[in-house]
């Protein structure tokens, strides 16, 4: 089986950034903005609504333009959204201030994920699709754990739970690192094959 090593790396980094961002954004909404658990969960909907609307069309776009364009574009959008969050998510921010960045990040995730999946699965022979799919799923799960660990370490070093301001300081630093991870993933995405060419 030809090993699609570089093809699952964007998924690891993207899922790491997403999992860490959602994990700490839910807490930011409670600790810094004062919402209850249910209200905070409902306010995370922009992360999910954008993929619901965009993801069904992303597969067709990948067929038309190639996986690399969607992966790189999607990851840049995700990095832009989370970087935007890092700028505006202060202790005194309103929820409306973070809706747009979360939506941009959600659109980016929705564009990149189906394209990465397609890049991995389409890179192997038909009998090896199960192995490739299992490897890809494992890398996504590892990416989530990696993202929470790295972003959590940044949060612990720069903020805390002592006050709304302390949490916001740590959150902004942590989410900024998540944006950086996604930009690294976008660079890795540049190694994906263009239509009709093998991956580098």
N, C-alpha and C. Protein backbone atom coordinates (compact mmCIF):
# COMPACT_ATOMS: atom_id res chain seq x y z
N UNK A 1 0.85 -1.20 0.00
CA UNK A 1 0.00 0.00 0.00
C UNK A 1 0.88 1.25 0.00
N UNK A 2 0.61 2.16 -0.86
CA UNK A 2 1.30 3.44 -0.84
C UNK A 2 0.84 4.23 0.39
N UNK A 3 1.77 4.65 1.20
CA UNK A 3 1.42 5.30 2.47
C UNK A 3 1.16 6.78 2.26
N UNK A 4 -0.06 7.24 2.56
CA UNK A 4 -0.38 8.66 2.39
C UNK A 4 0.06 9.48 3.58
N UNK A 5 1.38 9.42 3.89
CA UNK A 5 1.84 10.01 5.15
C UNK A 5 1.53 11.49 5.25
N UNK A 6 1.90 12.25 4.23
CA UNK A 6 1.69 13.70 4.31
C UNK A 6 0.22 14.07 4.24
N UNK A 7 -0.61 13.14 3.79
CA UNK A 7 -2.01 13.46 3.55
C UNK A 7 -2.82 13.54 4.83
N UNK A 8 -2.44 12.80 5.87
CA UNK A 8 -3.21 12.87 7.10
C UNK A 8 -2.69 13.94 8.05
N UNK A 9 -1.52 14.50 7.78
CA UNK A 9 -0.96 15.49 8.69
C UNK A 9 -1.82 16.76 8.81
N UNK A 10 -2.38 17.28 7.70
CA UNK A 10 -3.27 18.43 7.88
C UNK A 10 -4.45 18.13 8.80
N UNK A 11 -4.99 16.90 8.71
CA UNK A 11 -6.12 16.53 9.57
C UNK A 11 -5.72 16.52 11.04
N UNK A 12 -4.51 16.01 11.33
CA UNK A 12 -4.04 15.98 12.72
C UNK A 12 -3.95 17.40 13.28
N UNK A 13 -3.37 18.31 12.51
CA UNK A 13 -3.20 19.68 12.99
C UNK A 13 -4.54 20.43 13.05
N UNK A 14 -5.40 20.23 12.05
CA UNK A 14 -6.69 20.92 12.05
C UNK A 14 -7.57 20.44 13.20
N UNK A 15 -7.62 19.12 13.42
CA UNK A 15 -8.44 18.61 14.52
C UNK A 15 -7.85 18.98 15.87
N UNK A 16 -6.52 19.08 15.94
CA UNK A 16 -5.92 19.54 17.18
C UNK A 16 -6.32 20.96 17.50
N UNK A 17 -6.27 21.83 16.50
CA UNK A 17 -6.65 23.23 16.71
C UNK A 17 -8.13 23.34 17.02
N UNK A 18 -8.97 22.61 16.30
CA UNK A 18 -10.42 22.69 16.52
C UNK A 18 -10.80 22.19 17.91
N UNK A 19 -10.30 21.03 18.29
CA UNK A 19 -10.67 20.46 19.59
C UNK A 19 -10.23 21.37 20.72
N UNK A 20 -9.00 21.88 20.64
CA UNK A 20 -8.54 22.80 21.67
C UNK A 20 -9.35 24.08 21.70
N UNK A 21 -9.71 24.59 20.52
CA UNK A 21 -10.48 25.84 20.46
C UNK A 21 -11.87 25.66 21.05
N UNK A 22 -12.56 24.60 20.68
CA UNK A 22 -13.91 24.37 21.20
C UNK A 22 -13.86 24.13 22.71
N UNK A 23 -12.88 23.34 23.15
CA UNK A 23 -12.74 23.03 24.58
C UNK A 23 -12.61 24.30 25.41
N UNK A 24 -11.76 25.22 24.97
CA UNK A 24 -11.53 26.43 25.76
C UNK A 24 -12.56 27.53 25.47
N UNK A 25 -13.16 27.53 24.28
CA UNK A 25 -14.19 28.53 24.01
C UNK A 25 -15.41 28.29 24.88
N UNK A 26 -15.78 27.03 25.08
CA UNK A 26 -16.91 26.72 25.95
C UNK A 26 -16.65 27.25 27.36
N UNK A 27 -15.42 27.12 27.82
CA UNK A 27 -15.09 27.62 29.16
C UNK A 27 -15.01 29.16 29.17
N UNK A 28 -14.49 29.73 28.10
CA UNK A 28 -14.42 31.19 28.01
C UNK A 28 -15.81 31.81 28.12
N UNK A 29 -16.77 31.20 27.45
CA UNK A 29 -18.14 31.71 27.51
C UNK A 29 -18.70 31.67 28.92
N UNK A 30 -18.26 30.71 29.71
CA UNK A 30 -18.76 30.61 31.08
C UNK A 30 -17.94 31.45 32.06
N UNK A 31 -16.62 31.29 32.02
CA UNK A 31 -15.78 31.94 33.03
C UNK A 31 -15.64 33.44 32.77
N UNK A 32 -15.41 33.81 31.51
CA UNK A 32 -15.16 35.22 31.21
C UNK A 32 -16.43 36.00 30.88
N UNK A 33 -17.38 35.36 30.20
CA UNK A 33 -18.59 36.08 29.80
C UNK A 33 -19.78 35.80 30.70
N UNK A 34 -19.66 34.84 31.61
CA UNK A 34 -20.68 34.64 32.62
C UNK A 34 -21.90 33.83 32.21
N UNK A 35 -21.84 33.07 31.13
CA UNK A 35 -22.98 32.27 30.71
C UNK A 35 -22.98 30.93 31.44
N UNK A 36 -24.16 30.35 31.62
CA UNK A 36 -24.27 29.03 32.18
C UNK A 36 -23.86 27.96 31.19
N UNK A 37 -23.73 26.70 31.63
CA UNK A 37 -23.29 25.63 30.73
C UNK A 37 -24.18 25.45 29.50
N UNK A 38 -25.49 25.44 29.68
CA UNK A 38 -26.39 25.27 28.54
C UNK A 38 -26.29 26.45 27.59
N UNK A 39 -26.30 27.66 28.13
CA UNK A 39 -26.21 28.86 27.29
C UNK A 39 -24.88 28.88 26.54
N UNK A 40 -23.81 28.46 27.20
CA UNK A 40 -22.50 28.42 26.54
C UNK A 40 -22.51 27.41 25.40
N UNK A 41 -23.11 26.25 25.65
CA UNK A 41 -23.18 25.23 24.60
C UNK A 41 -23.96 25.72 23.39
N UNK A 42 -25.07 26.38 23.64
CA UNK A 42 -25.87 26.91 22.52
C UNK A 42 -25.11 27.98 21.76
N UNK A 43 -24.28 28.74 22.45
CA UNK A 43 -23.53 29.80 21.80
C UNK A 43 -22.34 29.28 20.98
N UNK A 44 -22.08 27.99 21.07
CA UNK A 44 -21.06 27.38 20.22
C UNK A 44 -21.62 26.97 18.85
N UNK A 45 -22.90 27.18 18.63
CA UNK A 45 -23.52 26.74 17.39
C UNK A 45 -22.84 27.25 16.11
N UNK A 46 -22.28 28.46 16.09
CA UNK A 46 -21.60 28.87 14.85
C UNK A 46 -20.50 27.91 14.40
N UNK A 47 -19.86 27.19 15.37
CA UNK A 47 -18.87 26.19 14.98
C UNK A 47 -19.52 25.08 14.15
N UNK A 48 -20.79 24.77 14.45
CA UNK A 48 -21.45 23.63 13.80
C UNK A 48 -22.34 23.99 12.63
N UNK A 49 -22.95 25.18 12.66
CA UNK A 49 -23.88 25.53 11.59
C UNK A 49 -23.15 25.71 10.27
N UNK A 50 -21.99 26.35 10.30
CA UNK A 50 -21.24 26.56 9.05
C UNK A 50 -20.86 25.24 8.39
N UNK A 51 -20.32 24.25 9.13
CA UNK A 51 -20.05 22.97 8.49
C UNK A 51 -21.31 22.29 7.95
N UNK A 52 -22.41 22.45 8.65
CA UNK A 52 -23.66 21.85 8.18
C UNK A 52 -24.05 22.39 6.81
N UNK A 53 -23.80 23.67 6.58
CA UNK A 53 -24.17 24.29 5.31
C UNK A 53 -23.12 24.10 4.22
N UNK A 54 -21.84 24.09 4.62
CA UNK A 54 -20.76 24.10 3.63
C UNK A 54 -20.27 22.70 3.27
N UNK A 55 -20.16 21.81 4.27
CA UNK A 55 -19.54 20.50 4.05
C UNK A 55 -20.18 19.69 2.92
N UNK A 56 -21.53 19.68 2.78
CA UNK A 56 -22.10 18.88 1.69
C UNK A 56 -21.64 19.31 0.30
N UNK A 57 -21.22 20.56 0.16
CA UNK A 57 -20.76 21.05 -1.14
C UNK A 57 -19.24 20.95 -1.30
N UNK A 58 -18.55 20.72 -0.20
CA UNK A 58 -17.09 20.71 -0.24
C UNK A 58 -16.56 19.54 -1.06
N UNK A 59 -17.23 18.40 -0.99
CA UNK A 59 -16.78 17.25 -1.77
C UNK A 59 -16.81 17.52 -3.26
N UNK A 60 -17.88 18.13 -3.74
CA UNK A 60 -17.98 18.47 -5.16
C UNK A 60 -16.92 19.51 -5.55
N UNK A 61 -16.66 20.46 -4.65
CA UNK A 61 -15.62 21.45 -4.93
C UNK A 61 -14.24 20.79 -5.00
N UNK A 62 -14.00 19.79 -4.14
CA UNK A 62 -12.72 19.08 -4.19
C UNK A 62 -12.57 18.33 -5.50
N UNK A 63 -13.66 17.74 -6.00
CA UNK A 63 -13.61 17.05 -7.29
C UNK A 63 -13.28 18.04 -8.41
N UNK A 64 -13.80 19.23 -8.29
CA UNK A 64 -13.63 20.22 -9.37
C UNK A 64 -12.27 20.91 -9.32
N UNK A 65 -11.84 21.29 -8.13
CA UNK A 65 -10.63 22.11 -8.02
C UNK A 65 -9.43 21.37 -7.42
N UNK A 66 -9.65 20.17 -6.93
CA UNK A 66 -8.57 19.44 -6.29
C UNK A 66 -8.55 19.63 -4.79
N UNK A 67 -8.02 18.61 -4.09
CA UNK A 67 -8.03 18.65 -2.63
C UNK A 67 -7.14 19.75 -2.08
N UNK A 68 -5.99 19.97 -2.72
CA UNK A 68 -5.02 20.91 -2.16
C UNK A 68 -5.61 22.30 -1.98
N UNK A 69 -6.31 22.80 -2.97
CA UNK A 69 -6.87 24.15 -2.88
C UNK A 69 -7.84 24.26 -1.71
N UNK A 70 -8.72 23.27 -1.54
CA UNK A 70 -9.70 23.34 -0.46
C UNK A 70 -9.05 23.18 0.90
N UNK A 71 -8.07 22.28 1.00
CA UNK A 71 -7.39 22.08 2.29
C UNK A 71 -6.68 23.36 2.71
N UNK A 72 -5.91 23.94 1.82
CA UNK A 72 -5.14 25.14 2.16
C UNK A 72 -6.08 26.31 2.44
N UNK A 73 -7.09 26.50 1.58
CA UNK A 73 -8.04 27.60 1.79
C UNK A 73 -8.79 27.43 3.10
N UNK A 74 -9.27 26.22 3.34
CA UNK A 74 -10.02 25.95 4.56
C UNK A 74 -9.20 26.18 5.81
N UNK A 75 -7.95 25.73 5.78
CA UNK A 75 -7.12 25.89 6.97
C UNK A 75 -6.72 27.34 7.19
N UNK A 76 -6.53 28.07 6.12
CA UNK A 76 -6.24 29.50 6.27
C UNK A 76 -7.46 30.22 6.86
N UNK A 77 -8.65 29.86 6.40
CA UNK A 77 -9.87 30.46 6.97
C UNK A 77 -10.01 30.11 8.45
N UNK A 78 -9.72 28.85 8.79
CA UNK A 78 -9.81 28.46 10.19
C UNK A 78 -8.80 29.25 11.03
N UNK A 79 -7.58 29.37 10.51
CA UNK A 79 -6.58 30.15 11.23
C UNK A 79 -6.99 31.61 11.36
N UNK A 80 -7.60 32.16 10.31
CA UNK A 80 -8.07 33.55 10.37
C UNK A 80 -9.15 33.72 11.42
N UNK A 81 -10.08 32.76 11.48
CA UNK A 81 -11.16 32.85 12.46
C UNK A 81 -10.66 32.74 13.88
N UNK A 82 -9.76 31.78 14.14
CA UNK A 82 -9.26 31.62 15.50
C UNK A 82 -8.30 32.76 15.87
N UNK A 83 -7.53 33.24 14.88
CA UNK A 83 -6.69 34.41 15.15
C UNK A 83 -7.52 35.63 15.49
N UNK A 84 -8.63 35.78 14.81
CA UNK A 84 -9.58 36.87 15.09
C UNK A 84 -10.12 36.75 16.51
N UNK A 85 -10.46 35.52 16.89
CA UNK A 85 -10.92 35.29 18.26
C UNK A 85 -9.85 35.73 19.27
N UNK A 86 -8.61 35.41 18.98
CA UNK A 86 -7.53 35.78 19.89
C UNK A 86 -7.43 37.28 20.08
N UNK A 87 -7.86 38.03 19.09
CA UNK A 87 -7.80 39.49 19.18
C UNK A 87 -8.99 40.09 19.94
N UNK A 88 -10.18 39.51 19.78
CA UNK A 88 -11.39 40.16 20.31
C UNK A 88 -11.93 39.54 21.59
N UNK A 89 -11.46 38.37 21.96
CA UNK A 89 -12.07 37.65 23.08
C UNK A 89 -11.52 38.14 24.42
N UNK A 90 -11.83 39.35 24.76
CA UNK A 90 -11.44 39.91 26.05
C UNK A 90 -12.48 39.57 27.11
N UNK A 91 -12.17 39.89 28.35
CA UNK A 91 -13.11 39.62 29.42
C UNK A 91 -14.37 40.45 29.28
N UNK A 92 -14.28 41.60 28.64
CA UNK A 92 -15.45 42.46 28.48
C UNK A 92 -16.12 42.35 27.14
N UNK A 93 -15.74 41.36 26.33
CA UNK A 93 -16.32 41.23 24.99
C UNK A 93 -17.78 40.80 25.07
N UNK A 94 -18.55 41.16 24.06
CA UNK A 94 -19.92 40.66 23.94
C UNK A 94 -19.91 39.40 23.09
N UNK A 95 -20.98 38.64 23.19
CA UNK A 95 -21.08 37.43 22.38
C UNK A 95 -21.07 37.78 20.90
N UNK A 96 -21.69 38.88 20.52
CA UNK A 96 -21.74 39.26 19.11
C UNK A 96 -20.34 39.48 18.54
N UNK A 97 -19.40 39.85 19.38
CA UNK A 97 -18.03 40.09 18.90
C UNK A 97 -17.33 38.81 18.48
N UNK A 98 -17.78 37.65 18.98
CA UNK A 98 -17.09 36.40 18.66
C UNK A 98 -17.88 35.52 17.69
N UNK A 99 -19.10 35.93 17.33
CA UNK A 99 -19.90 35.12 16.41
C UNK A 99 -19.24 35.03 15.03
N UNK A 100 -18.84 36.18 14.49
CA UNK A 100 -18.24 36.19 13.15
C UNK A 100 -16.95 35.38 13.09
N UNK A 101 -16.02 35.53 14.03
CA UNK A 101 -14.81 34.70 13.97
C UNK A 101 -15.10 33.21 14.08
N UNK A 102 -16.04 32.83 14.93
CA UNK A 102 -16.38 31.41 15.03
C UNK A 102 -16.97 30.90 13.71
N UNK A 103 -17.78 31.73 13.05
CA UNK A 103 -18.37 31.33 11.78
C UNK A 103 -17.31 31.16 10.71
N UNK A 104 -16.37 32.10 10.64
CA UNK A 104 -15.28 31.99 9.67
C UNK A 104 -14.48 30.71 9.91
N UNK A 105 -14.16 30.44 11.17
CA UNK A 105 -13.43 29.21 11.49
C UNK A 105 -14.24 27.97 11.12
N UNK A 106 -15.55 28.01 11.35
CA UNK A 106 -16.39 26.87 11.00
C UNK A 106 -16.43 26.62 9.50
N UNK A 107 -16.48 27.68 8.71
CA UNK A 107 -16.45 27.53 7.25
C UNK A 107 -15.12 26.92 6.82
N UNK A 108 -14.03 27.38 7.42
CA UNK A 108 -12.73 26.82 7.08
C UNK A 108 -12.65 25.34 7.39
N UNK A 109 -13.12 24.95 8.57
CA UNK A 109 -13.11 23.54 8.94
C UNK A 109 -13.96 22.72 7.97
N UNK A 110 -15.11 23.26 7.58
CA UNK A 110 -16.01 22.54 6.68
C UNK A 110 -15.42 22.37 5.29
N UNK A 111 -14.62 23.31 4.85
CA UNK A 111 -13.97 23.19 3.54
C UNK A 111 -12.82 22.18 3.59
N UNK A 112 -12.02 22.24 4.64
CA UNK A 112 -10.80 21.45 4.68
C UNK A 112 -11.05 19.97 4.98
N UNK A 113 -11.96 19.67 5.89
CA UNK A 113 -12.09 18.29 6.35
C UNK A 113 -12.50 17.31 5.25
N UNK A 114 -13.55 17.56 4.47
CA UNK A 114 -13.88 16.60 3.40
C UNK A 114 -12.76 16.46 2.37
N UNK A 115 -12.05 17.54 2.11
CA UNK A 115 -10.96 17.49 1.14
C UNK A 115 -9.80 16.64 1.65
N UNK A 116 -9.46 16.77 2.93
CA UNK A 116 -8.41 15.94 3.51
C UNK A 116 -8.83 14.47 3.48
N UNK A 117 -10.07 14.21 3.85
CA UNK A 117 -10.57 12.84 3.82
C UNK A 117 -10.45 12.25 2.43
N UNK A 118 -10.87 13.00 1.44
CA UNK A 118 -10.79 12.53 0.06
C UNK A 118 -9.35 12.30 -0.37
N UNK A 119 -8.46 13.20 0.04
CA UNK A 119 -7.05 13.06 -0.33
C UNK A 119 -6.46 11.77 0.23
N UNK A 120 -6.83 11.42 1.46
CA UNK A 120 -6.30 10.21 2.08
C UNK A 120 -6.87 8.97 1.41
N UNK A 121 -8.19 8.91 1.28
CA UNK A 121 -8.83 7.71 0.77
C UNK A 121 -8.53 7.48 -0.70
N UNK A 122 -8.45 8.55 -1.48
CA UNK A 122 -8.22 8.40 -2.91
C UNK A 122 -6.78 8.10 -3.26
N UNK A 123 -5.89 8.13 -2.27
CA UNK A 123 -4.47 7.93 -2.55
C UNK A 123 -4.06 6.46 -2.49
N UNK A 124 -4.99 5.58 -2.16
CA UNK A 124 -4.65 4.16 -2.02
C UNK A 124 -5.51 3.32 -2.95
N UNK A 125 -5.07 2.09 -3.17
CA UNK A 125 -5.84 1.15 -3.98
C UNK A 125 -7.10 0.74 -3.23
N UNK A 126 -8.11 0.29 -3.98
CA UNK A 126 -9.41 -0.06 -3.40
C UNK A 126 -9.30 -1.04 -2.23
N UNK A 127 -8.47 -2.09 -2.30
CA UNK A 127 -8.40 -3.01 -1.15
C UNK A 127 -7.82 -2.39 0.12
N UNK A 128 -7.12 -1.27 -0.03
CA UNK A 128 -6.47 -0.64 1.13
C UNK A 128 -7.25 0.52 1.71
N UNK A 129 -8.45 0.77 1.20
CA UNK A 129 -9.22 1.92 1.68
C UNK A 129 -9.53 1.79 3.17
N UNK A 130 -9.86 0.60 3.62
CA UNK A 130 -10.16 0.41 5.05
C UNK A 130 -8.99 0.76 5.94
N UNK A 131 -7.77 0.36 5.52
CA UNK A 131 -6.57 0.67 6.30
C UNK A 131 -6.33 2.18 6.31
N UNK A 132 -6.46 2.80 5.13
CA UNK A 132 -6.25 4.25 5.05
C UNK A 132 -7.27 4.99 5.90
N UNK A 133 -8.53 4.56 5.84
CA UNK A 133 -9.57 5.22 6.61
C UNK A 133 -9.34 5.08 8.11
N UNK A 134 -8.92 3.87 8.53
CA UNK A 134 -8.65 3.66 9.94
C UNK A 134 -7.48 4.49 10.44
N UNK A 135 -6.43 4.57 9.62
CA UNK A 135 -5.27 5.39 9.97
C UNK A 135 -5.66 6.86 10.09
N UNK A 136 -6.46 7.30 9.13
CA UNK A 136 -6.92 8.70 9.13
C UNK A 136 -7.73 9.01 10.38
N UNK A 137 -8.66 8.12 10.73
CA UNK A 137 -9.48 8.33 11.92
C UNK A 137 -8.63 8.37 13.19
N UNK A 138 -7.64 7.49 13.24
CA UNK A 138 -6.74 7.48 14.40
C UNK A 138 -5.97 8.79 14.51
N UNK A 139 -5.49 9.29 13.38
CA UNK A 139 -4.74 10.54 13.39
C UNK A 139 -5.62 11.72 13.82
N UNK A 140 -6.88 11.69 13.42
CA UNK A 140 -7.80 12.75 13.85
C UNK A 140 -7.97 12.72 15.37
N UNK A 141 -8.14 11.51 15.93
CA UNK A 141 -8.31 11.40 17.37
C UNK A 141 -7.04 11.84 18.11
N UNK A 142 -5.90 11.41 17.59
CA UNK A 142 -4.64 11.84 18.20
C UNK A 142 -4.47 13.35 18.10
N UNK A 143 -4.90 13.91 16.98
CA UNK A 143 -4.83 15.35 16.81
C UNK A 143 -5.62 16.09 17.86
N UNK A 144 -6.82 15.58 18.18
CA UNK A 144 -7.63 16.20 19.22
C UNK A 144 -6.93 16.20 20.56
N UNK A 145 -6.35 15.05 20.93
CA UNK A 145 -5.63 14.97 22.20
C UNK A 145 -4.40 15.88 22.19
N UNK A 146 -3.70 15.90 21.07
CA UNK A 146 -2.51 16.74 20.93
C UNK A 146 -2.89 18.22 21.06
N UNK A 147 -3.98 18.61 20.40
CA UNK A 147 -4.40 20.00 20.44
C UNK A 147 -4.77 20.47 21.84
N UNK A 148 -5.54 19.66 22.55
CA UNK A 148 -5.92 20.03 23.92
C UNK A 148 -4.68 20.12 24.81
N UNK A 149 -3.74 19.19 24.62
CA UNK A 149 -2.53 19.20 25.45
C UNK A 149 -1.70 20.45 25.19
N UNK A 150 -1.45 20.77 23.91
CA UNK A 150 -0.60 21.91 23.59
C UNK A 150 -1.28 23.22 23.95
N UNK A 151 -2.54 23.36 23.53
CA UNK A 151 -3.25 24.61 23.81
C UNK A 151 -3.49 24.75 25.32
N UNK A 152 -3.74 23.62 25.98
CA UNK A 152 -3.91 23.67 27.43
C UNK A 152 -2.64 24.09 28.15
N UNK A 153 -1.49 23.64 27.66
CA UNK A 153 -0.22 24.05 28.27
C UNK A 153 0.01 25.55 28.10
N UNK A 154 -0.35 26.07 26.94
CA UNK A 154 -0.21 27.51 26.71
C UNK A 154 -1.14 28.28 27.64
N UNK A 155 -2.37 27.79 27.77
CA UNK A 155 -3.31 28.46 28.68
C UNK A 155 -2.78 28.47 30.11
N UNK A 156 -2.27 27.32 30.56
CA UNK A 156 -1.77 27.23 31.93
C UNK A 156 -0.60 28.18 32.18
N UNK A 157 0.18 28.41 31.14
CA UNK A 157 1.35 29.28 31.30
C UNK A 157 1.01 30.76 31.24
N UNK A 158 -0.15 31.10 30.68
CA UNK A 158 -0.45 32.52 30.46
C UNK A 158 -1.72 33.01 31.13
N UNK A 159 -2.51 32.12 31.69
CA UNK A 159 -3.78 32.53 32.29
C UNK A 159 -4.16 31.62 33.44
N UNK A 160 -5.44 31.66 33.80
CA UNK A 160 -5.92 30.83 34.89
C UNK A 160 -7.40 31.05 35.12
N UNK A 161 -7.93 30.39 36.15
CA UNK A 161 -9.36 30.44 36.46
C UNK A 161 -9.68 31.41 37.59
N UNK A 162 -8.70 32.18 38.01
CA UNK A 162 -8.90 33.05 39.16
C UNK A 162 -9.86 34.20 38.93
N UNK A 163 -9.97 34.67 37.68
CA UNK A 163 -10.86 35.78 37.37
C UNK A 163 -11.20 35.72 35.89
N UNK A 164 -12.21 36.52 35.51
CA UNK A 164 -12.59 36.58 34.09
C UNK A 164 -11.44 37.08 33.24
N UNK A 165 -10.71 38.07 33.75
CA UNK A 165 -9.59 38.61 33.00
C UNK A 165 -8.45 37.62 32.85
N UNK A 166 -8.15 36.89 33.93
CA UNK A 166 -7.07 35.90 33.87
C UNK A 166 -7.40 34.80 32.87
N UNK A 167 -8.66 34.37 32.88
CA UNK A 167 -9.04 33.32 31.93
C UNK A 167 -8.96 33.85 30.50
N UNK A 168 -9.44 35.06 30.30
CA UNK A 168 -9.41 35.65 28.96
C UNK A 168 -7.98 35.78 28.44
N UNK A 169 -7.05 36.17 29.30
CA UNK A 169 -5.65 36.29 28.88
C UNK A 169 -5.11 34.95 28.41
N UNK A 170 -5.36 33.91 29.20
CA UNK A 170 -4.89 32.59 28.82
C UNK A 170 -5.58 32.06 27.58
N UNK A 171 -6.88 32.33 27.48
CA UNK A 171 -7.64 31.87 26.32
C UNK A 171 -7.12 32.49 25.03
N UNK A 172 -6.87 33.78 25.06
CA UNK A 172 -6.42 34.47 23.85
C UNK A 172 -5.05 33.96 23.40
N UNK A 173 -4.16 33.71 24.35
CA UNK A 173 -2.86 33.15 23.99
C UNK A 173 -3.00 31.73 23.44
N UNK A 174 -3.84 30.95 24.09
CA UNK A 174 -4.02 29.55 23.66
C UNK A 174 -4.66 29.46 22.29
N UNK A 175 -5.69 30.26 22.04
CA UNK A 175 -6.37 30.21 20.76
C UNK A 175 -5.47 30.74 19.65
N UNK A 176 -4.57 31.67 20.00
CA UNK A 176 -3.60 32.15 19.02
C UNK A 176 -2.64 31.04 18.60
N UNK A 177 -2.23 30.22 19.55
CA UNK A 177 -1.37 29.08 19.22
C UNK A 177 -2.13 28.09 18.34
N UNK A 178 -3.43 27.91 18.62
CA UNK A 178 -4.24 27.06 17.75
C UNK A 178 -4.27 27.56 16.32
N UNK A 179 -4.36 28.87 16.16
CA UNK A 179 -4.31 29.45 14.82
C UNK A 179 -2.97 29.15 14.15
N UNK A 180 -1.89 29.22 14.94
CA UNK A 180 -0.57 28.91 14.40
C UNK A 180 -0.46 27.46 13.95
N UNK A 181 -1.02 26.53 14.73
CA UNK A 181 -1.01 25.12 14.33
C UNK A 181 -1.72 24.92 12.99
N UNK A 182 -2.82 25.65 12.82
CA UNK A 182 -3.57 25.51 11.57
C UNK A 182 -2.80 26.07 10.39
N UNK A 183 -2.06 27.14 10.59
CA UNK A 183 -1.23 27.68 9.51
C UNK A 183 -0.14 26.69 9.12
N UNK A 184 0.43 25.99 10.11
CA UNK A 184 1.39 24.93 9.80
C UNK A 184 0.71 23.86 8.96
N UNK A 185 -0.53 23.51 9.34
CA UNK A 185 -1.28 22.53 8.56
C UNK A 185 -1.53 22.99 7.14
N UNK A 186 -1.78 24.28 6.96
CA UNK A 186 -1.98 24.81 5.60
C UNK A 186 -0.71 24.66 4.78
N UNK A 187 0.44 24.88 5.41
CA UNK A 187 1.71 24.70 4.69
C UNK A 187 1.90 23.23 4.31
N UNK A 188 1.56 22.32 5.21
CA UNK A 188 1.64 20.90 4.89
C UNK A 188 0.67 20.56 3.75
N UNK A 189 -0.48 21.20 3.75
CA UNK A 189 -1.47 20.96 2.70
C UNK A 189 -0.96 21.30 1.32
N UNK A 190 0.03 22.17 1.23
CA UNK A 190 0.60 22.52 -0.07
C UNK A 190 1.30 21.34 -0.71
N UNK A 191 1.63 20.30 0.08
CA UNK A 191 2.30 19.12 -0.47
C UNK A 191 1.32 18.12 -1.07
N UNK A 192 0.03 18.35 -0.90
CA UNK A 192 -0.94 17.43 -1.47
C UNK A 192 -0.90 17.50 -2.99
N UNK A 193 -1.35 16.42 -3.61
CA UNK A 193 -1.30 16.35 -5.07
C UNK A 193 -2.28 17.33 -5.69
N UNK A 194 -1.89 17.89 -6.82
CA UNK A 194 -2.82 18.61 -7.65
C UNK A 194 -3.47 17.58 -8.58
N UNK A 195 -4.62 17.89 -9.21
CA UNK A 195 -5.25 16.91 -10.07
C UNK A 195 -4.30 16.40 -11.13
N UNK A 196 -4.21 15.06 -11.15
CA UNK A 196 -3.42 14.42 -12.17
C UNK A 196 -1.93 14.31 -11.85
N UNK A 197 -1.51 14.77 -10.65
CA UNK A 197 -0.11 14.71 -10.28
C UNK A 197 0.04 13.98 -8.95
N UNK A 198 1.12 13.27 -8.75
CA UNK A 198 1.33 12.61 -7.47
C UNK A 198 1.70 13.61 -6.40
N UNK A 199 1.45 13.25 -5.14
CA UNK A 199 1.85 14.12 -4.03
C UNK A 199 3.36 14.13 -3.91
N UNK A 200 3.89 15.24 -3.42
CA UNK A 200 5.34 15.33 -3.21
C UNK A 200 5.72 14.66 -1.91
